[in-house]
């Protein structure tokens, strides 16, 4: 995956968070599942027509023996191309209840408008 290096031997593998992309009337919404992740562990970047979200979840210290381990740890990354009508100057991101929502507004001129038919 671009932007995420190969893990060192014994390290957790890089993973891609689950995501939904919604096309609304005035914006594109990208929702990523990142339960237990702090906003300081996430980087959201946009450039060259792409949205790139990446970060790392550190393995927590444990005092007992781990009998089962299915939660994601290590580096994660999500990358997607943005439509040409994206207003990349006004992108916002919000992390609530483990869901990172990135809002990419549509450029004013690109919004569909209804044309009245005369005759």
PDB file of N, CA and C in Angstrom:
ATOM      1  N   UNK A   1       0.850  -1.164   0.000  1.00  0.00           N
ATOM      2  CA  UNK A   1       0.000   0.000   0.000  1.00  0.00           C
ATOM      3  C   UNK A   1       0.896   1.228   0.000  1.00  0.00           C
ATOM      4  N   UNK A   2       0.642   2.220  -0.871  1.00  0.00           N
ATOM      5  CA  UNK A   2       1.470   3.409  -0.901  1.00  0.00           C
ATOM      6  C   UNK A   2       1.421   4.149   0.430  1.00  0.00           C
ATOM      7  N   UNK A   3       2.537   4.675   0.861  1.00  0.00           N
ATOM      8  CA  UNK A   3       2.588   5.459   2.082  1.00  0.00           C
ATOM      9  C   UNK A   3       2.809   4.653   3.340  1.00  0.00           C
ATOM     10  N   UNK A   4       2.677   3.338   3.258  1.00  0.00           N
ATOM     11  CA  UNK A   4       2.877   2.501   4.439  1.00  0.00           C
ATOM     12  C   UNK A   4       3.999   1.523   4.121  1.00  0.00           C
ATOM     13  N   UNK A   5       5.055   1.540   4.944  1.00  0.00           N
ATOM     14  CA  UNK A   5       6.202   0.674   4.696  1.00  0.00           C
ATOM     15  C   UNK A   5       5.939  -0.748   5.126  1.00  0.00           C
ATOM     16  N   UNK A   6       6.859  -1.614   4.772  1.00  0.00           N
ATOM     17  CA  UNK A   6       6.744  -3.000   5.195  1.00  0.00           C
ATOM     18  C   UNK A   6       7.078  -3.088   6.677  1.00  0.00           C
ATOM     19  N   UNK A   7       6.320  -3.866   7.441  1.00  0.00           N
ATOM     20  CA  UNK A   7       6.618  -3.993   8.862  1.00  0.00           C
ATOM     21  C   UNK A   7       7.901  -4.789   9.078  1.00  0.00           C
ATOM     22  N   UNK A   8       8.573  -4.478  10.191  1.00  0.00           N
ATOM     23  CA  UNK A   8       9.769  -5.235  10.534  1.00  0.00           C
ATOM     24  C   UNK A   8       9.350  -6.631  10.969  1.00  0.00           C
ATOM     25  N   UNK A   9      10.295  -7.565  10.923  1.00  0.00           N
ATOM     26  CA  UNK A   9       9.984  -8.933  11.324  1.00  0.00           C
ATOM     27  C   UNK A   9       9.482  -8.935  12.764  1.00  0.00           C
ATOM     28  N   UNK A  10       8.372  -9.599  12.979  1.00  0.00           N
ATOM     29  CA  UNK A  10       7.787  -9.668  14.310  1.00  0.00           C
ATOM     30  C   UNK A  10       6.823  -8.523  14.588  1.00  0.00           C
ATOM     31  N   UNK A  11       6.804  -7.519  13.724  1.00  0.00           N
ATOM     32  CA  UNK A  11       5.903  -6.387  13.922  1.00  0.00           C
ATOM     33  C   UNK A  11       4.540  -6.701  13.312  1.00  0.00           C
ATOM     34  N   UNK A  12       3.528  -5.950  13.741  1.00  0.00           N
ATOM     35  CA  UNK A  12       2.187  -6.141  13.197  1.00  0.00           C
ATOM     36  C   UNK A  12       2.154  -5.672  11.741  1.00  0.00           C
ATOM     37  N   UNK A  13       1.314  -6.329  10.927  1.00  0.00           N
ATOM     38  CA  UNK A  13       1.194  -5.944   9.526  1.00  0.00           C
ATOM     39  C   UNK A  13       0.375  -4.674   9.386  1.00  0.00           C
ATOM     40  N   UNK A  14       0.675  -3.893   8.345  1.00  0.00           N
ATOM     41  CA  UNK A  14      -0.111  -2.701   8.050  1.00  0.00           C
ATOM     42  C   UNK A  14      -1.525  -3.137   7.664  1.00  0.00           C
ATOM     43  N   UNK A  15      -2.508  -2.315   7.985  1.00  0.00           N
ATOM     44  CA  UNK A  15      -3.893  -2.665   7.719  1.00  0.00           C
ATOM     45  C   UNK A  15      -4.649  -1.447   7.196  1.00  0.00           C
ATOM     46  N   UNK A  16      -5.786  -1.695   6.578  1.00  0.00           N
ATOM     47  CA  UNK A  16      -6.630  -0.648   6.008  1.00  0.00           C
ATOM     48  C   UNK A  16      -7.936  -0.614   6.800  1.00  0.00           C
ATOM     49  N   UNK A  17      -8.299   0.552   7.371  1.00  0.00           N
ATOM     50  CA  UNK A  17      -9.560   0.621   8.116  1.00  0.00           C
ATOM     51  C   UNK A  17     -10.775   0.471   7.191  1.00  0.00           C
ATOM     52  N   UNK A  18     -11.866  -0.044   7.741  1.00  0.00           N
ATOM     53  CA  UNK A  18     -13.118  -0.125   6.997  1.00  0.00           C
ATOM     54  C   UNK A  18     -13.608   1.285   6.721  1.00  0.00           C
ATOM     55  N   UNK A  19     -14.194   1.499   5.534  1.00  0.00           N
ATOM     56  CA  UNK A  19     -14.593   2.853   5.152  1.00  0.00           C
ATOM     57  C   UNK A  19     -15.877   2.852   4.347  1.00  0.00           C
ATOM     58  N   UNK A  20     -16.648   3.937   4.494  1.00  0.00           N
ATOM     59  CA  UNK A  20     -17.805   4.233   3.652  1.00  0.00           C
ATOM     60  C   UNK A  20     -17.540   5.575   2.996  1.00  0.00           C
ATOM     61  N   UNK A  21     -17.928   5.719   1.725  1.00  0.00           N
ATOM     62  CA  UNK A  21     -17.819   6.995   1.024  1.00  0.00           C
ATOM     63  C   UNK A  21     -19.214   7.364   0.548  1.00  0.00           C
ATOM     64  N   UNK A  22     -19.664   8.555   0.942  1.00  0.00           N
ATOM     65  CA  UNK A  22     -21.012   9.008   0.608  1.00  0.00           C
ATOM     66  C   UNK A  22     -20.931  10.272  -0.241  1.00  0.00           C
ATOM     67  N   UNK A  23     -21.718  10.315  -1.294  1.00  0.00           N
ATOM     68  CA  UNK A  23     -21.800  11.468  -2.189  1.00  0.00           C
ATOM     69  C   UNK A  23     -23.092  12.201  -1.859  1.00  0.00           C
ATOM     70  N   UNK A  24     -22.992  13.351  -1.165  1.00  0.00           N
ATOM     71  CA  UNK A  24     -24.174  14.133  -0.832  1.00  0.00           C
ATOM     72  C   UNK A  24     -24.300  15.287  -1.821  1.00  0.00           C
ATOM     73  N   UNK A  25     -25.333  16.106  -1.647  1.00  0.00           N
ATOM     74  CA  UNK A  25     -25.570  17.212  -2.576  1.00  0.00           C
ATOM     75  C   UNK A  25     -24.415  18.209  -2.603  1.00  0.00           C
ATOM     76  N   UNK A  26     -23.814  18.468  -1.440  1.00  0.00           N
ATOM     77  CA  UNK A  26     -22.789  19.515  -1.393  1.00  0.00           C
ATOM     78  C   UNK A  26     -21.400  19.035  -0.983  1.00  0.00           C
ATOM     79  N   UNK A  27     -21.239  17.730  -0.704  1.00  0.00           N
ATOM     80  CA  UNK A  27     -19.924  17.251  -0.258  1.00  0.00           C
ATOM     81  C   UNK A  27     -19.802  15.740  -0.431  1.00  0.00           C
ATOM     82  N   UNK A  28     -18.559  15.282  -0.366  1.00  0.00           N
ATOM     83  CA  UNK A  28     -18.244  13.863  -0.281  1.00  0.00           C
ATOM     84  C   UNK A  28     -17.861  13.599   1.165  1.00  0.00           C
ATOM     85  N   UNK A  29     -18.388  12.525   1.749  1.00  0.00           N
ATOM     86  CA  UNK A  29     -18.083  12.162   3.132  1.00  0.00           C
ATOM     87  C   UNK A  29     -17.372  10.815   3.140  1.00  0.00           C
ATOM     88  N   UNK A  30     -16.205  10.785   3.762  1.00  0.00           N
ATOM     89  CA  UNK A  30     -15.455   9.548   3.924  1.00  0.00           C
ATOM     90  C   UNK A  30     -15.472   9.222   5.406  1.00  0.00           C
ATOM     91  N   UNK A  31     -16.046   8.080   5.769  1.00  0.00           N
ATOM     92  CA  UNK A  31     -16.126   7.660   7.164  1.00  0.00           C
ATOM     93  C   UNK A  31     -15.259   6.424   7.349  1.00  0.00           C
ATOM     94  N   UNK A  32     -14.301   6.518   8.272  1.00  0.00           N
ATOM     95  CA  UNK A  32     -13.369   5.428   8.542  1.00  0.00           C
ATOM     96  C   UNK A  32     -13.568   4.922   9.956  1.00  0.00           C
ATOM     97  N   UNK A  33     -13.609   3.596  10.125  1.00  0.00           N
ATOM     98  CA  UNK A  33     -13.724   2.995  11.453  1.00  0.00           C
ATOM     99  C   UNK A  33     -12.340   2.919  12.086  1.00  0.00           C
ATOM    100  N   UNK A  34     -12.152   3.679  13.165  1.00  0.00           N
ATOM    101  CA  UNK A  34     -10.886   3.677  13.894  1.00  0.00           C
ATOM    102  C   UNK A  34     -11.150   3.616  15.396  1.00  0.00           C
ATOM    103  N   UNK A  35     -11.761   2.524  15.880  1.00  0.00           N
ATOM    104  CA  UNK A  35     -12.101   2.433  17.300  1.00  0.00           C
ATOM    105  C   UNK A  35     -10.858   2.433  18.179  1.00  0.00           C
ATOM    106  N   UNK A  36     -10.923   3.204  19.247  1.00  0.00           N
ATOM    107  CA  UNK A  36      -9.827   3.254  20.205  1.00  0.00           C
ATOM    108  C   UNK A  36      -8.638   4.083  19.762  1.00  0.00           C
ATOM    109  N   UNK A  37      -8.730   4.730  18.607  1.00  0.00           N
ATOM    110  CA  UNK A  37      -7.619   5.528  18.099  1.00  0.00           C
ATOM    111  C   UNK A  37      -7.814   6.978  18.521  1.00  0.00           C
ATOM    112  N   UNK A  38      -6.756   7.591  19.038  1.00  0.00           N
ATOM    113  CA  UNK A  38      -6.756   8.982  19.437  1.00  0.00           C
ATOM    114  C   UNK A  38      -6.494   9.859  18.225  1.00  0.00           C
ATOM    115  N   UNK A  39      -7.036  11.071  18.201  1.00  0.00           N
ATOM    116  CA  UNK A  39      -6.828  11.937  17.035  1.00  0.00           C
ATOM    117  C   UNK A  39      -5.348  12.259  16.824  1.00  0.00           C
ATOM    118  N   UNK A  40      -4.541  12.196  17.893  1.00  0.00           N
ATOM    119  CA  UNK A  40      -3.107  12.448  17.770  1.00  0.00           C
ATOM    120  C   UNK A  40      -2.380  11.314  17.052  1.00  0.00           C
ATOM    121  N   UNK A  41      -3.032  10.178  16.876  1.00  0.00           N
ATOM    122  CA  UNK A  41      -2.442   9.017  16.195  1.00  0.00           C
ATOM    123  C   UNK A  41      -2.810   8.979  14.713  1.00  0.00           C
ATOM    124  N   UNK A  42      -3.559   9.994  14.235  1.00  0.00           N
ATOM    125  CA  UNK A  42      -4.071  10.009  12.862  1.00  0.00           C
ATOM    126  C   UNK A  42      -3.537  11.222  12.125  1.00  0.00           C
ATOM    127  N   UNK A  43      -3.135  11.018  10.871  1.00  0.00           N
ATOM    128  CA  UNK A  43      -2.739  12.115   9.994  1.00  0.00           C
ATOM    129  C   UNK A  43      -3.648  12.085   8.770  1.00  0.00           C
ATOM    130  N   UNK A  44      -4.257  13.229   8.451  1.00  0.00           N
ATOM    131  CA  UNK A  44      -5.105  13.363   7.275  1.00  0.00           C
ATOM    132  C   UNK A  44      -4.426  14.359   6.346  1.00  0.00           C
ATOM    133  N   UNK A  45      -4.138  13.918   5.121  1.00  0.00           N
ATOM    134  CA  UNK A  45      -3.466  14.776   4.151  1.00  0.00           C
ATOM    135  C   UNK A  45      -4.196  14.718   2.821  1.00  0.00           C
ATOM    136  N   UNK A  46      -4.098  15.808   2.067  1.00  0.00           N
ATOM    137  CA  UNK A  46      -4.663  15.841   0.719  1.00  0.00           C
ATOM    138  C   UNK A  46      -3.620  16.473  -0.193  1.00  0.00           C
ATOM    139  N   UNK A  47      -3.473  15.887  -1.370  1.00  0.00           N
ATOM    140  CA  UNK A  47      -2.534  16.420  -2.346  1.00  0.00           C
ATOM    141  C   UNK A  47      -2.599  15.641  -3.632  1.00  0.00           C
ATOM    142  N   UNK A  48      -2.378  16.328  -4.728  1.00  0.00           N
ATOM    143  CA  UNK A  48      -2.371  15.702  -6.053  1.00  0.00           C
ATOM    144  C   UNK A  48      -3.630  14.888  -6.308  1.00  0.00           C
ATOM    145  N   UNK A  49      -4.775  15.411  -5.867  1.00  0.00           N
ATOM    146  CA  UNK A  49      -6.048  14.753  -6.136  1.00  0.00           C
ATOM    147  C   UNK A  49      -6.323  13.519  -5.315  1.00  0.00           C
ATOM    148  N   UNK A  50      -5.592  13.329  -4.210  1.00  0.00           N
ATOM    149  CA  UNK A  50      -5.806  12.152  -3.366  1.00  0.00           C
ATOM    150  C   UNK A  50      -5.974  12.543  -1.899  1.00  0.00           C
ATOM    151  N   UNK A  51      -6.795  11.758  -1.209  1.00  0.00           N
ATOM    152  CA  UNK A  51      -6.942  11.865   0.235  1.00  0.00           C
ATOM    153  C   UNK A  51      -6.156  10.717   0.839  1.00  0.00           C
ATOM    154  N   UNK A  52      -5.310  11.027   1.819  1.00  0.00           N
ATOM    155  CA  UNK A  52      -4.471  10.008   2.458  1.00  0.00           C
ATOM    156  C   UNK A  52      -4.652  10.124   3.971  1.00  0.00           C
ATOM    157  N   UNK A  53      -5.132   9.050   4.587  1.00  0.00           N
ATOM    158  CA  UNK A  53      -5.300   8.989   6.045  1.00  0.00           C
ATOM    159  C   UNK A  53      -4.403   7.857   6.532  1.00  0.00           C
ATOM    160  N   UNK A  54      -3.524   8.173   7.477  1.00  0.00           N
ATOM    161  CA  UNK A  54      -2.641   7.128   7.992  1.00  0.00           C
ATOM    162  C   UNK A  54      -2.286   7.399   9.449  1.00  0.00           C
ATOM    163  N   UNK A  55      -1.719   6.385  10.077  1.00  0.00           N
ATOM    164  CA  UNK A  55      -1.333   6.509  11.472  1.00  0.00           C
ATOM    165  C   UNK A  55      -0.820   5.186  11.997  1.00  0.00           C
ATOM    166  N   UNK A  56      -0.739   5.108  13.314  1.00  0.00           N
ATOM    167  CA  UNK A  56      -0.247   3.886  13.930  1.00  0.00           C
ATOM    168  C   UNK A  56      -0.885   3.697  15.299  1.00  0.00           C
ATOM    169  N   UNK A  57      -1.272   2.459  15.574  1.00  0.00           N
ATOM    170  CA  UNK A  57      -1.771   2.081  16.892  1.00  0.00           C
ATOM    171  C   UNK A  57      -0.690   1.238  17.541  1.00  0.00           C
ATOM    172  N   UNK A  58      -0.196   1.701  18.667  1.00  0.00           N
ATOM    173  CA  UNK A  58       0.857   0.974  19.383  1.00  0.00           C
ATOM    174  C   UNK A  58       0.243  -0.169  20.180  1.00  0.00           C
ATOM    175  N   UNK A  59       0.972  -1.257  20.254  1.00  0.00           N
ATOM    176  CA  UNK A  59       0.559  -2.396  21.087  1.00  0.00           C
ATOM    177  C   UNK A  59       0.618  -1.941  22.540  1.00  0.00           C
ATOM    178  N   UNK A  60      -0.452  -2.168  23.291  1.00  0.00           N
ATOM    179  CA  UNK A  60      -0.438  -1.746  24.689  1.00  0.00           C
ATOM    180  C   UNK A  60       0.296  -2.773  25.541  1.00  0.00           C
ATOM    181  N   UNK A  61       0.850  -2.277  26.630  1.00  0.00           N
ATOM    182  CA  UNK A  61       1.558  -3.178  27.545  1.00  0.00           C
ATOM    183  C   UNK A  61       0.542  -4.016  28.305  1.00  0.00           C
ATOM    184  N   UNK A  62       0.855  -5.281  28.453  1.00  0.00           N
ATOM    185  CA  UNK A  62      -0.050  -6.196  29.140  1.00  0.00           C
ATOM    186  C   UNK A  62       0.704  -6.890  30.268  1.00  0.00           C
ATOM    187  N   UNK A  63      -0.017  -7.180  31.326  1.00  0.00           N
ATOM    188  CA  UNK A  63       0.609  -7.866  32.451  1.00  0.00           C
ATOM    189  C   UNK A  63       0.298  -9.360  32.444  1.00  0.00           C
ATOM    190  N   UNK A  64      -0.767  -9.736  31.741  1.00  0.00           N
ATOM    191  CA  UNK A  64      -1.151 -11.142  31.671  1.00  0.00           C
ATOM    192  C   UNK A  64      -0.760 -11.761  30.344  1.00  0.00           C
ATOM    193  N   UNK A  65      -1.124 -13.008  30.184  1.00  0.00           N
ATOM    194  CA  UNK A  65      -0.867 -13.738  28.946  1.00  0.00           C
ATOM    195  C   UNK A  65      -2.019 -13.471  27.989  1.00  0.00           C
ATOM    196  N   UNK A  66      -1.712 -13.073  26.769  1.00  0.00           N
ATOM    197  CA  UNK A  66      -2.749 -12.816  25.768  1.00  0.00           C
ATOM    198  C   UNK A  66      -3.184 -14.151  25.161  1.00  0.00           C
ATOM    199  N   UNK A  67      -4.408 -14.518  25.393  1.00  0.00           N
ATOM    200  CA  UNK A  67      -4.936 -15.794  24.896  1.00  0.00           C
ATOM    201  C   UNK A  67      -5.489 -15.664  23.481  1.00  0.00           C
ATOM    202  N   UNK A  68      -5.966 -14.489  23.143  1.00  0.00           N
ATOM    203  CA  UNK A  68      -6.507 -14.236  21.811  1.00  0.00           C
ATOM    204  C   UNK A  68      -6.198 -12.798  21.446  1.00  0.00           C
ATOM    205  N   UNK A  69      -5.792 -12.586  20.198  1.00  0.00           N
ATOM    206  CA  UNK A  69      -5.434 -11.240  19.756  1.00  0.00           C
ATOM    207  C   UNK A  69      -5.994 -11.025  18.350  1.00  0.00           C
ATOM    208  N   UNK A  70      -7.104 -10.290  18.242  1.00  0.00           N
ATOM    209  CA  UNK A  70      -7.706 -10.042  16.933  1.00  0.00           C
ATOM    210  C   UNK A  70      -7.836  -8.554  16.622  1.00  0.00           C
ATOM    211  N   UNK A  71      -7.539  -7.683  17.566  1.00  0.00           N
ATOM    212  CA  UNK A  71      -7.636  -6.248  17.326  1.00  0.00           C
ATOM    213  C   UNK A  71      -6.440  -5.775  16.513  1.00  0.00           C
ATOM    214  N   UNK A  72      -6.679  -4.770  15.675  1.00  0.00           N
ATOM    215  CA  UNK A  72      -5.613  -4.229  14.834  1.00  0.00           C
ATOM    216  C   UNK A  72      -4.642  -3.382  15.653  1.00  0.00           C
ATOM    217  N   UNK A  73      -3.363  -3.581  15.413  1.00  0.00           N
ATOM    218  CA  UNK A  73      -2.301  -2.722  15.939  1.00  0.00           C
ATOM    219  C   UNK A  73      -1.316  -2.500  14.800  1.00  0.00           C
ATOM    220  N   UNK A  74      -0.464  -1.503  14.957  1.00  0.00           N
ATOM    221  CA  UNK A  74       0.529  -1.211  13.935  1.00  0.00           C
ATOM    222  C   UNK A  74       0.071  -0.091  13.023  1.00  0.00           C
ATOM    223  N   UNK A  75       0.773   0.038  11.906  1.00  0.00           N
ATOM    224  CA  UNK A  75       0.485   1.107  10.964  1.00  0.00           C
ATOM    225  C   UNK A  75      -0.796   0.817  10.190  1.00  0.00           C
ATOM    226  N   UNK A  76      -1.570   1.881   9.934  1.00  0.00           N
ATOM    227  CA  UNK A  76      -2.752   1.755   9.093  1.00  0.00           C
ATOM    228  C   UNK A  76      -2.723   2.869   8.060  1.00  0.00           C
ATOM    229  N   UNK A  77      -3.418   2.642   6.964  1.00  0.00           N
ATOM    230  CA  UNK A  77      -3.474   3.654   5.920  1.00  0.00           C
ATOM    231  C   UNK A  77      -4.682   3.465   5.033  1.00  0.00           C
ATOM    232  N   UNK A  78      -5.232   4.589   4.583  1.00  0.00           N
ATOM    233  CA  UNK A  78      -6.356   4.587   3.649  1.00  0.00           C
ATOM    234  C   UNK A  78      -6.089   5.696   2.645  1.00  0.00           C
ATOM    235  N   UNK A  79      -6.163   5.362   1.367  1.00  0.00           N
ATOM    236  CA  UNK A  79      -5.923   6.349   0.314  1.00  0.00           C
ATOM    237  C   UNK A  79      -6.997   6.202  -0.746  1.00  0.00           C
ATOM    238  N   UNK A  80      -7.509   7.349  -1.216  1.00  0.00           N
ATOM    239  CA  UNK A  80      -8.502   7.330  -2.278  1.00  0.00           C
ATOM    240  C   UNK A  80      -8.332   8.558  -3.155  1.00  0.00           C
ATOM    241  N   UNK A  81      -8.685   8.416  -4.412  1.00  0.00           N
ATOM    242  CA  UNK A  81      -8.667   9.548  -5.340  1.00  0.00           C
ATOM    243  C   UNK A  81      -9.885  10.419  -5.095  1.00  0.00           C
ATOM    244  N   UNK A  82      -9.696  11.735  -5.251  1.00  0.00           N
ATOM    245  CA  UNK A  82     -10.797  12.674  -5.080  1.00  0.00           C
ATOM    246  C   UNK A  82     -11.358  13.067  -6.447  1.00  0.00           C
ATOM    247  N   UNK A  83     -12.673  13.235  -6.533  1.00  0.00           N
ATOM    248  CA  UNK A  83     -13.265  13.682  -7.794  1.00  0.00           C
ATOM    249  C   UNK A  83     -12.744  15.075  -8.163  1.00  0.00           C
ATOM    250  N   UNK A  84     -12.740  15.414  -9.457  1.00  0.00           N
ATOM    251  CA  UNK A  84     -12.193  16.702  -9.887  1.00  0.00           C
ATOM    252  C   UNK A  84     -12.937  17.920  -9.333  1.00  0.00           C
ATOM    253  N   UNK A  85     -14.188  17.753  -8.910  1.00  0.00           N
ATOM    254  CA  UNK A  85     -14.942  18.899  -8.385  1.00  0.00           C
ATOM    255  C   UNK A  85     -14.784  19.066  -6.875  1.00  0.00           C
ATOM    256  N   UNK A  86     -13.764  18.455  -6.277  1.00  0.00           N
ATOM    257  CA  UNK A  86     -13.528  18.555  -4.833  1.00  0.00           C
ATOM    258  C   UNK A  86     -12.921  19.909  -4.487  1.00  0.00           C
ATOM    259  N   UNK A  87     -13.440  20.518  -3.428  1.00  0.00           N
ATOM    260  CA  UNK A  87     -12.893  21.782  -2.925  1.00  0.00           C
ATOM    261  C   UNK A  87     -11.870  21.430  -1.847  1.00  0.00           C
ATOM    262  N   UNK A  88     -10.635  21.195  -2.250  1.00  0.00           N
ATOM    263  CA  UNK A  88      -9.611  20.715  -1.320  1.00  0.00           C
ATOM    264  C   UNK A  88      -9.148  21.786  -0.339  1.00  0.00           C
ATOM    265  N   UNK A  89      -9.535  23.040  -0.547  1.00  0.00           N
ATOM    266  CA  UNK A  89      -9.156  24.117   0.376  1.00  0.00           C
ATOM    267  C   UNK A  89     -10.018  24.117   1.644  1.00  0.00           C
ATOM    268  N   UNK A  90     -11.157  23.436   1.621  1.00  0.00           N
ATOM    269  CA  UNK A  90     -12.091  23.496   2.754  1.00  0.00           C
ATOM    270  C   UNK A  90     -12.435  22.127   3.332  1.00  0.00           C
ATOM    271  N   UNK A  91     -11.512  21.183   3.259  1.00  0.00           N
ATOM    272  CA  UNK A  91     -11.734  19.853   3.826  1.00  0.00           C
ATOM    273  C   UNK A  91     -11.685  19.925   5.350  1.00  0.00           C
ATOM    274  N   UNK A  92     -12.572  19.177   6.004  1.00  0.00           N
ATOM    275  CA  UNK A  92     -12.563  19.117   7.468  1.00  0.00           C
ATOM    276  C   UNK A  92     -12.603  17.658   7.905  1.00  0.00           C
ATOM    277  N   UNK A  93     -12.142  17.414   9.133  1.00  0.00           N
ATOM    278  CA  UNK A  93     -12.133  16.052   9.683  1.00  0.00           C
ATOM    279  C   UNK A  93     -12.597  16.097  11.125  1.00  0.00           C
ATOM    280  N   UNK A  94     -13.371  15.075  11.517  1.00  0.00           N
ATOM    281  CA  UNK A  94     -13.913  14.999  12.868  1.00  0.00           C
ATOM    282  C   UNK A  94     -13.851  13.542  13.327  1.00  0.00           C
ATOM    283  N   UNK A  95     -13.392  13.339  14.554  1.00  0.00           N
ATOM    284  CA  UNK A  95     -13.321  11.999  15.137  1.00  0.00           C
ATOM    285  C   UNK A  95     -14.312  11.919  16.292  1.00  0.00           C
ATOM    286  N   UNK A  96     -15.363  11.096  16.119  1.00  0.00           N
ATOM    287  CA  UNK A  96     -16.392  10.940  17.147  1.00  0.00           C
ATOM    288  C   UNK A  96     -16.741   9.469  17.276  1.00  0.00           C
ATOM    289  N   UNK A  97     -16.679   8.953  18.504  1.00  0.00           N
ATOM    290  CA  UNK A  97     -17.054   7.567  18.800  1.00  0.00           C
ATOM    291  C   UNK A  97     -16.341   6.556  17.900  1.00  0.00           C
ATOM    292  N   UNK A  98     -15.054   6.793  17.616  1.00  0.00           N
ATOM    293  CA  UNK A  98     -14.275   5.843  16.839  1.00  0.00           C
ATOM    294  C   UNK A  98     -14.490   5.913  15.335  1.00  0.00           C
ATOM    295  N   UNK A  99     -15.251   6.915  14.874  1.00  0.00           N
ATOM    296  CA  UNK A  99     -15.479   7.108  13.439  1.00  0.00           C
ATOM    297  C   UNK A  99     -14.844   8.429  13.030  1.00  0.00           C
ATOM    298  N   UNK A 100     -13.882   8.348  12.101  1.00  0.00           N
ATOM    299  CA  UNK A 100     -13.276   9.550  11.535  1.00  0.00           C
ATOM    300  C   UNK A 100     -14.078   9.921  10.301  1.00  0.00           C
ATOM    301  N   UNK A 101     -14.668  11.117  10.307  1.00  0.00           N
ATOM    302  CA  UNK A 101     -15.428  11.599   9.163  1.00  0.00           C
ATOM    303  C   UNK A 101     -14.650  12.728   8.512  1.00  0.00           C
ATOM    304  N   UNK A 102     -14.279  12.522   7.253  1.00  0.00           N
ATOM    305  CA  UNK A 102     -13.593  13.551   6.474  1.00  0.00           C
ATOM    306  C   UNK A 102     -14.616  14.089   5.487  1.00  0.00           C
ATOM    307  N   UNK A 103     -14.853  15.419   5.551  1.00  0.00           N
ATOM    308  CA  UNK A 103     -15.837  16.071   4.682  1.00  0.00           C
ATOM    309  C   UNK A 103     -15.095  16.864   3.613  1.00  0.00           C
ATOM    310  N   UNK A 104     -15.331  16.498   2.355  1.00  0.00           N
ATOM    311  CA  UNK A 104     -14.713  17.175   1.225  1.00  0.00           C
ATOM    312  C   UNK A 104     -15.819  17.906   0.478  1.00  0.00           C
ATOM    313  N   UNK A 105     -15.904  19.239   0.647  1.00  0.00           N
ATOM    314  CA  UNK A 105     -16.980  19.976  -0.033  1.00  0.00           C
ATOM    315  C   UNK A 105     -16.814  19.914  -1.550  1.00  0.00           C
ATOM    316  N   UNK A 106     -17.945  20.030  -2.241  1.00  0.00           N
ATOM    317  CA  UNK A 106     -17.914  20.127  -3.693  1.00  0.00           C
ATOM    318  C   UNK A 106     -17.737  21.593  -4.062  1.00  0.00           C
ATOM    319  N   UNK A 107     -16.974  21.845  -5.100  1.00  0.00           N
ATOM    320  CA  UNK A 107     -16.779  23.211  -5.560  1.00  0.00           C
ATOM    321  C   UNK A 107     -18.121  23.782  -6.004  1.00  0.00           C
ATOM    322  N   UNK A 108     -18.338  25.064  -5.717  1.00  0.00           N
ATOM    323  CA  UNK A 108     -19.612  25.715  -6.032  1.00  0.00           C
ATOM    324  C   UNK A 108     -20.019  25.526  -7.486  1.00  0.00           C
ATOM    325  N   UNK A 109     -19.085  25.753  -8.396  1.00  0.00           N
ATOM    326  CA  UNK A 109     -19.426  25.695  -9.818  1.00  0.00           C
ATOM    327  C   UNK A 109     -19.772  24.291 -10.285  1.00  0.00           C
ATOM    328  N   UNK A 110     -19.389  23.282  -9.540  1.00  0.00           N
ATOM    329  CA  UNK A 110     -19.593  21.907  -9.973  1.00  0.00           C
ATOM    330  C   UNK A 110     -20.913  21.312  -9.478  1.00  0.00           C
ATOM    331  N   UNK A 111     -21.625  22.025  -8.619  1.00  0.00           N
ATOM    332  CA  UNK A 111     -22.876  21.479  -8.102  1.00  0.00           C
ATOM    333  C   UNK A 111     -23.925  21.420  -9.205  1.00  0.00           C
ATOM    334  N   UNK A 112     -24.697  20.358  -9.236  1.00  0.00           N
ATOM    335  CA  UNK A 112     -25.745  20.278 -10.263  1.00  0.00           C
ATOM    336  C   UNK A 112     -26.828  21.316  -9.994  1.00  0.00           C
ATOM    337  N   UNK A 113     -27.371  21.831 -11.060  1.00  0.00           N
ATOM    338  CA  UNK A 113     -28.489  22.765 -10.918  1.00  0.00           C
ATOM    339  C   UNK A 113     -29.566  22.402 -11.900  1.00  0.00           C
ATOM    340  N   UNK A 114     -30.792  22.697 -11.534  1.00  0.00           N
ATOM    341  CA  UNK A 114     -31.924  22.366 -12.391  1.00  0.00           C
ATOM    342  C   UNK A 114     -32.105  23.457 -13.441  1.00  0.00           C
ATOM    343  N   UNK A 115     -32.311  23.031 -14.678  1.00  0.00           N
ATOM    344  CA  UNK A 115     -32.514  23.952 -15.791  1.00  0.00           C
ATOM    345  C   UNK A 115     -33.993  23.893 -16.177  1.00  0.00           C
ATOM    346  N   UNK A 116     -34.624  25.055 -16.170  1.00  0.00           N
ATOM    347  CA  UNK A 116     -36.015  25.115 -16.577  1.00  0.00           C
ATOM    348  C   UNK A 116     -36.110  24.993 -18.090  1.00  0.00           C
ATOM    349  N   UNK A 117     -37.094  24.260 -18.561  1.00  0.00           N
ATOM    350  CA  UNK A 117     -37.312  24.074 -19.987  1.00  0.00           C
ATOM    351  C   UNK A 117     -38.391  25.044 -20.432  1.00  0.00           C
ATOM    352  N   UNK A 118     -38.056  25.830 -21.437  1.00  0.00           N
ATOM    353  CA  UNK A 118     -39.057  26.790 -21.932  1.00  0.00           C
ATOM    354  C   UNK A 118     -39.781  26.201 -23.141  1.00  0.00           C
ATOM    355  N   UNK A 119     -40.916  26.774 -23.432  1.00  0.00           N
ATOM    356  CA  UNK A 119     -41.604  26.311 -24.635  1.00  0.00           C
ATOM    357  C   UNK A 119     -43.013  26.007 -24.465  1.00  0.00           C
TER     358      UNK A 119
END
